[in-house]
Amino acid sequence: MQIHCLAQMPHFYDEIAYMLHREWSELPNWHDRDVIRQRLQSRNAAGAQTMTLFATTHESELMATASIIHYELSDIPEREFWLGEVITAREHRGKGLASALVTRLIAEARAKSIPALWLYTPDQQALYRRFGWQDVEQRNIADEDVTVMVLKLD
């Protein structure tokens, strides 16, 4: 496995947009691949504090991706930076890829002096608690019950 920064390998934009669309296309923010690609480009623009990392095999097959997102949920301004779009291709699940990407994104967030990372998840609370995330609240997002969690980095 190799981990890459999307900003440095832009030829993967379409493939990552397709992966995200394939996984979540039934949700409102994920039904249009062009919009997903535009979000990825904006998130990975020069000078942005946000970013996308992805893992590939040594043969450059996309295995997993994860991002730091600016205002994934924007209703509470103090919750600025979010971990999101964490997805592993079905055939590569159970290999620790998501954990490796999350670990690297936490390090990147610290290097960028981001004080806290937020996330929401319907079913992976135990995974994120192992990294130190703490439950903050239960919410319903896009008709799905999720736990909002925070990891303080400062």
C-alpha atoms as a PDB file:
ATOM      1  CA  MET A   1       0.000   0.000   0.000  1.00  0.00           C
ATOM      2  CA  GLN A   2       1.088   3.545  -0.780  1.00  0.00           C
ATOM      3  CA  ILE A   3      -0.534   6.734   0.563  1.00  0.00           C
ATOM      4  CA  HIS A   4      -0.724   9.762  -1.713  1.00  0.00           C
ATOM      5  CA  CYS A   5      -1.954  13.343  -1.492  1.00  0.00           C
ATOM      6  CA  LEU A   6      -4.569  13.984  -4.183  1.00  0.00           C
ATOM      7  CA  ALA A   7      -3.237  17.496  -4.864  1.00  0.00           C
ATOM      8  CA  GLN A   8       0.017  15.894  -6.026  1.00  0.00           C
ATOM      9  CA  MET A   9      -1.661  13.249  -8.196  1.00  0.00           C
ATOM     10  CA  PRO A  10      -4.612  14.999  -9.884  1.00  0.00           C
ATOM     11  CA  HIS A  11      -5.134  12.210 -12.416  1.00  0.00           C
ATOM     12  CA  PHE A  12      -6.963  10.377  -9.573  1.00  0.00           C
ATOM     13  CA  TYR A  13      -9.738  13.022  -9.215  1.00  0.00           C
ATOM     14  CA  ASP A  14     -12.181  11.161 -11.452  1.00  0.00           C
ATOM     15  CA  GLU A  15     -11.498   7.770  -9.916  1.00  0.00           C
ATOM     16  CA  ILE A  16     -11.972   9.049  -6.357  1.00  0.00           C
ATOM     17  CA  ALA A  17     -15.128  10.952  -7.356  1.00  0.00           C
ATOM     18  CA  TYR A  18     -16.447   7.730  -8.880  1.00  0.00           C
ATOM     19  CA  MET A  19     -15.622   5.744  -5.717  1.00  0.00           C
ATOM     20  CA  LEU A  20     -17.450   8.266  -3.500  1.00  0.00           C
ATOM     21  CA  HIS A  21     -20.411   8.415  -5.874  1.00  0.00           C
ATOM     22  CA  ARG A  22     -20.662   4.620  -6.098  1.00  0.00           C
ATOM     23  CA  GLU A  23     -20.734   4.294  -2.295  1.00  0.00           C
ATOM     24  CA  TRP A  24     -23.153   7.098  -1.403  1.00  0.00           C
ATOM     25  CA  SER A  25     -25.053   8.080  -4.589  1.00  0.00           C
ATOM     26  CA  GLU A  26     -28.420   7.679  -2.840  1.00  0.00           C
ATOM     27  CA  LEU A  27     -27.551  10.624  -0.556  1.00  0.00           C
ATOM     28  CA  PRO A  28     -28.199  14.193  -1.790  1.00  0.00           C
ATOM     29  CA  ASN A  29     -24.566  15.384  -1.719  1.00  0.00           C
ATOM     30  CA  TRP A  30     -23.334  12.356  -3.632  1.00  0.00           C
ATOM     31  CA  HIS A  31     -25.635  11.911  -6.616  1.00  0.00           C
ATOM     32  CA  ASP A  32     -23.590  14.027  -9.082  1.00  0.00           C
ATOM     33  CA  ARG A  33     -20.028  12.931  -9.849  1.00  0.00           C
ATOM     34  CA  ASP A  34     -19.123  16.294 -11.404  1.00  0.00           C
ATOM     35  CA  VAL A  35     -20.105  18.098  -8.204  1.00  0.00           C
ATOM     36  CA  ILE A  36     -18.094  15.605  -6.144  1.00  0.00           C
ATOM     37  CA  ARG A  37     -15.073  16.195  -8.399  1.00  0.00           C
ATOM     38  CA  GLN A  38     -15.441  19.983  -8.016  1.00  0.00           C
ATOM     39  CA  ARG A  39     -15.507  19.609  -4.229  1.00  0.00           C
ATOM     40  CA  LEU A  40     -12.356  17.500  -4.371  1.00  0.00           C
ATOM     41  CA  GLN A  41     -10.597  20.072  -6.542  1.00  0.00           C
ATOM     42  CA  SER A  42     -11.554  22.909  -4.217  1.00  0.00           C
ATOM     43  CA  ARG A  43     -10.522  20.949  -1.134  1.00  0.00           C
ATOM     44  CA  ASN A  44      -7.112  20.187  -2.626  1.00  0.00           C
ATOM     45  CA  ALA A  45      -6.341  23.611  -4.087  1.00  0.00           C
ATOM     46  CA  ALA A  46      -2.966  25.211  -3.382  1.00  0.00           C
ATOM     47  CA  GLY A  47      -2.883  26.848   0.033  1.00  0.00           C
ATOM     48  CA  ALA A  48      -5.984  25.058   1.370  1.00  0.00           C
ATOM     49  CA  GLN A  49      -5.913  23.692   4.909  1.00  0.00           C
ATOM     50  CA  THR A  50      -8.110  20.858   3.680  1.00  0.00           C
ATOM     51  CA  MET A  51      -6.926  17.843   1.740  1.00  0.00           C
ATOM     52  CA  THR A  52      -7.642  14.367   0.436  1.00  0.00           C
ATOM     53  CA  LEU A  53      -5.386  11.365   0.895  1.00  0.00           C
ATOM     54  CA  PHE A  54      -5.788   8.042  -0.856  1.00  0.00           C
ATOM     55  CA  ALA A  55      -4.210   4.621  -0.761  1.00  0.00           C
ATOM     56  CA  THR A  56      -3.224   2.540  -3.764  1.00  0.00           C
ATOM     57  CA  THR A  57      -1.711  -0.826  -4.413  1.00  0.00           C
ATOM     58  CA  HIS A  58       1.807  -0.864  -5.847  1.00  0.00           C
ATOM     59  CA  GLU A  59       0.102  -1.217  -9.241  1.00  0.00           C
ATOM     60  CA  SER A  60      -1.780   2.105  -8.673  1.00  0.00           C
ATOM     61  CA  GLU A  61      -5.177   0.514  -8.004  1.00  0.00           C
ATOM     62  CA  LEU A  62      -7.286   2.813  -5.801  1.00  0.00           C
ATOM     63  CA  MET A  63      -7.979   1.122  -2.462  1.00  0.00           C
ATOM     64  CA  ALA A  64      -9.251   3.806  -0.054  1.00  0.00           C
ATOM     65  CA  THR A  65      -9.632   7.533   0.464  1.00  0.00           C
ATOM     66  CA  ALA A  66     -10.259  10.047   3.280  1.00  0.00           C
ATOM     67  CA  SER A  67     -10.365  13.836   3.548  1.00  0.00           C
ATOM     68  CA  ILE A  68     -10.121  16.822   5.836  1.00  0.00           C
ATOM     69  CA  ILE A  69     -13.151  18.941   4.933  1.00  0.00           C
ATOM     70  CA  HIS A  70     -13.943  22.558   5.748  1.00  0.00           C
ATOM     71  CA  TYR A  71     -17.406  22.754   7.346  1.00  0.00           C
ATOM     72  CA  GLU A  72     -18.838  19.346   6.487  1.00  0.00           C
ATOM     73  CA  LEU A  73     -21.703  20.531   8.704  1.00  0.00           C
ATOM     74  CA  SER A  74     -21.864  24.295   8.907  1.00  0.00           C
ATOM     75  CA  ASP A  75     -24.573  24.918  11.496  1.00  0.00           C
ATOM     76  CA  ILE A  76     -22.078  25.378  14.366  1.00  0.00           C
ATOM     77  CA  PRO A  77     -19.208  27.690  13.265  1.00  0.00           C
ATOM     78  CA  GLU A  78     -16.779  26.401  15.906  1.00  0.00           C
ATOM     79  CA  ARG A  79     -16.858  22.979  14.205  1.00  0.00           C
ATOM     80  CA  GLU A  80     -14.642  24.023  11.324  1.00  0.00           C
ATOM     81  CA  PHE A  81     -12.568  21.035  10.173  1.00  0.00           C
ATOM     82  CA  TRP A  82     -14.025  17.583   9.633  1.00  0.00           C
ATOM     83  CA  LEU A  83     -12.701  14.144   8.829  1.00  0.00           C
ATOM     84  CA  GLY A  84     -14.892  12.723   6.112  1.00  0.00           C
ATOM     85  CA  GLU A  85     -15.268  10.757   2.930  1.00  0.00           C
ATOM     86  CA  VAL A  86     -13.516   7.811   4.569  1.00  0.00           C
ATOM     87  CA  ILE A  87     -14.142   4.883   2.281  1.00  0.00           C
ATOM     88  CA  THR A  88     -12.356   1.657   1.440  1.00  0.00           C
ATOM     89  CA  ALA A  89     -13.167  -0.322  -1.697  1.00  0.00           C
ATOM     90  CA  ARG A  90     -15.101  -3.444  -0.718  1.00  0.00           C
ATOM     91  CA  GLU A  91     -12.388  -5.811  -1.930  1.00  0.00           C
ATOM     92  CA  HIS A  92      -9.806  -4.082   0.287  1.00  0.00           C
ATOM     93  CA  ARG A  93     -11.761  -3.768   3.542  1.00  0.00           C
ATOM     94  CA  GLY A  94     -10.351  -5.230   6.734  1.00  0.00           C
ATOM     95  CA  LYS A  95      -6.724  -4.443   5.868  1.00  0.00           C
ATOM     96  CA  GLY A  96      -6.306  -1.342   8.053  1.00  0.00           C
ATOM     97  CA  LEU A  97      -6.395   1.104   5.138  1.00  0.00           C
ATOM     98  CA  ALA A  98      -8.910   3.484   6.703  1.00  0.00           C
ATOM     99  CA  SER A  99      -6.937   3.466   9.948  1.00  0.00           C
ATOM    100  CA  ALA A 100      -3.722   4.291   8.074  1.00  0.00           C
ATOM    101  CA  LEU A 101      -5.397   7.193   6.255  1.00  0.00           C
ATOM    102  CA  VAL A 102      -6.999   8.515   9.440  1.00  0.00           C
ATOM    103  CA  THR A 103      -3.665   8.356  11.281  1.00  0.00           C
ATOM    104  CA  ARG A 104      -1.969  10.286   8.491  1.00  0.00           C
ATOM    105  CA  LEU A 105      -4.759  12.895   8.305  1.00  0.00           C
ATOM    106  CA  ILE A 106      -4.536  13.476  12.066  1.00  0.00           C
ATOM    107  CA  ALA A 107      -0.803  14.136  11.655  1.00  0.00           C
ATOM    108  CA  GLU A 108      -1.484  16.468   8.711  1.00  0.00           C
ATOM    109  CA  ALA A 109      -4.108  18.364  10.736  1.00  0.00           C
ATOM    110  CA  ARG A 110      -1.661  18.816  13.612  1.00  0.00           C
ATOM    111  CA  ALA A 111       1.010  20.062  11.184  1.00  0.00           C
ATOM    112  CA  LYS A 112      -1.501  22.622   9.870  1.00  0.00           C
ATOM    113  CA  SER A 113      -2.297  23.731  13.479  1.00  0.00           C
ATOM    114  CA  ILE A 114      -5.919  22.655  13.174  1.00  0.00           C
ATOM    115  CA  PRO A 115      -7.191  22.666  16.781  1.00  0.00           C
ATOM    116  CA  ALA A 116      -9.840  19.935  16.408  1.00  0.00           C
ATOM    117  CA  LEU A 117     -11.238  17.488  13.893  1.00  0.00           C
ATOM    118  CA  TRP A 118     -14.919  16.627  13.840  1.00  0.00           C
ATOM    119  CA  LEU A 119     -16.670  13.716  12.190  1.00  0.00           C
ATOM    120  CA  TYR A 120     -19.989  11.977  12.076  1.00  0.00           C
ATOM    121  CA  THR A 121     -20.600   8.290  11.635  1.00  0.00           C
ATOM    122  CA  PRO A 122     -23.615   5.985  11.781  1.00  0.00           C
ATOM    123  CA  ASP A 123     -21.698   2.844  12.726  1.00  0.00           C
ATOM    124  CA  GLN A 124     -17.925   3.292  13.184  1.00  0.00           C
ATOM    125  CA  GLN A 125     -17.867   4.930  16.626  1.00  0.00           C
ATOM    126  CA  ALA A 126     -15.667   2.201  18.127  1.00  0.00           C
ATOM    127  CA  LEU A 127     -13.022   2.661  15.431  1.00  0.00           C
ATOM    128  CA  TYR A 128     -12.823   6.413  15.987  1.00  0.00           C
ATOM    129  CA  ARG A 129     -12.847   6.116  19.777  1.00  0.00           C
ATOM    130  CA  ARG A 130      -9.629   4.070  19.464  1.00  0.00           C
ATOM    131  CA  PHE A 131      -8.046   7.157  17.883  1.00  0.00           C
ATOM    132  CA  GLY A 132      -9.251   9.347  20.765  1.00  0.00           C
ATOM    133  CA  TRP A 133     -12.415  10.816  19.278  1.00  0.00           C
ATOM    134  CA  GLN A 134     -15.135  11.567  21.812  1.00  0.00           C
ATOM    135  CA  ASP A 135     -18.896  11.436  21.293  1.00  0.00           C
ATOM    136  CA  VAL A 136     -20.528  14.868  21.293  1.00  0.00           C
ATOM    137  CA  GLU A 137     -24.114  14.345  20.145  1.00  0.00           C
ATOM    138  CA  GLN A 138     -26.547  12.174  18.248  1.00  0.00           C
ATOM    139  CA  ARG A 139     -28.094  13.712  15.125  1.00  0.00           C
ATOM    140  CA  ASN A 140     -30.097  12.790  12.098  1.00  0.00           C
ATOM    141  CA  ILE A 141     -28.347  13.682   8.840  1.00  0.00           C
ATOM    142  CA  ALA A 142     -29.950  12.822   5.493  1.00  0.00           C
ATOM    143  CA  ASP A 143     -32.399  10.486   7.254  1.00  0.00           C
ATOM    144  CA  GLU A 144     -29.585   8.610   9.005  1.00  0.00           C
ATOM    145  CA  ASP A 145     -28.927   8.553  12.755  1.00  0.00           C
ATOM    146  CA  VAL A 146     -25.273   9.422  13.353  1.00  0.00           C
ATOM    147  CA  THR A 147     -22.902  10.223  16.188  1.00  0.00           C
ATOM    148  CA  VAL A 148     -21.005  13.512  15.959  1.00  0.00           C
ATOM    149  CA  MET A 149     -17.511  13.122  17.434  1.00  0.00           C
ATOM    150  CA  VAL A 150     -14.509  15.384  18.092  1.00  0.00           C
ATOM    151  CA  LEU A 151     -10.771  14.869  18.400  1.00  0.00           C
ATOM    152  CA  LYS A 152      -9.000  17.802  20.041  1.00  0.00           C
ATOM    153  CA  LEU A 153      -5.537  18.280  18.569  1.00  0.00           C
ATOM    154  CA  ASP A 154      -4.107  21.181  20.579  1.00  0.00           C
END
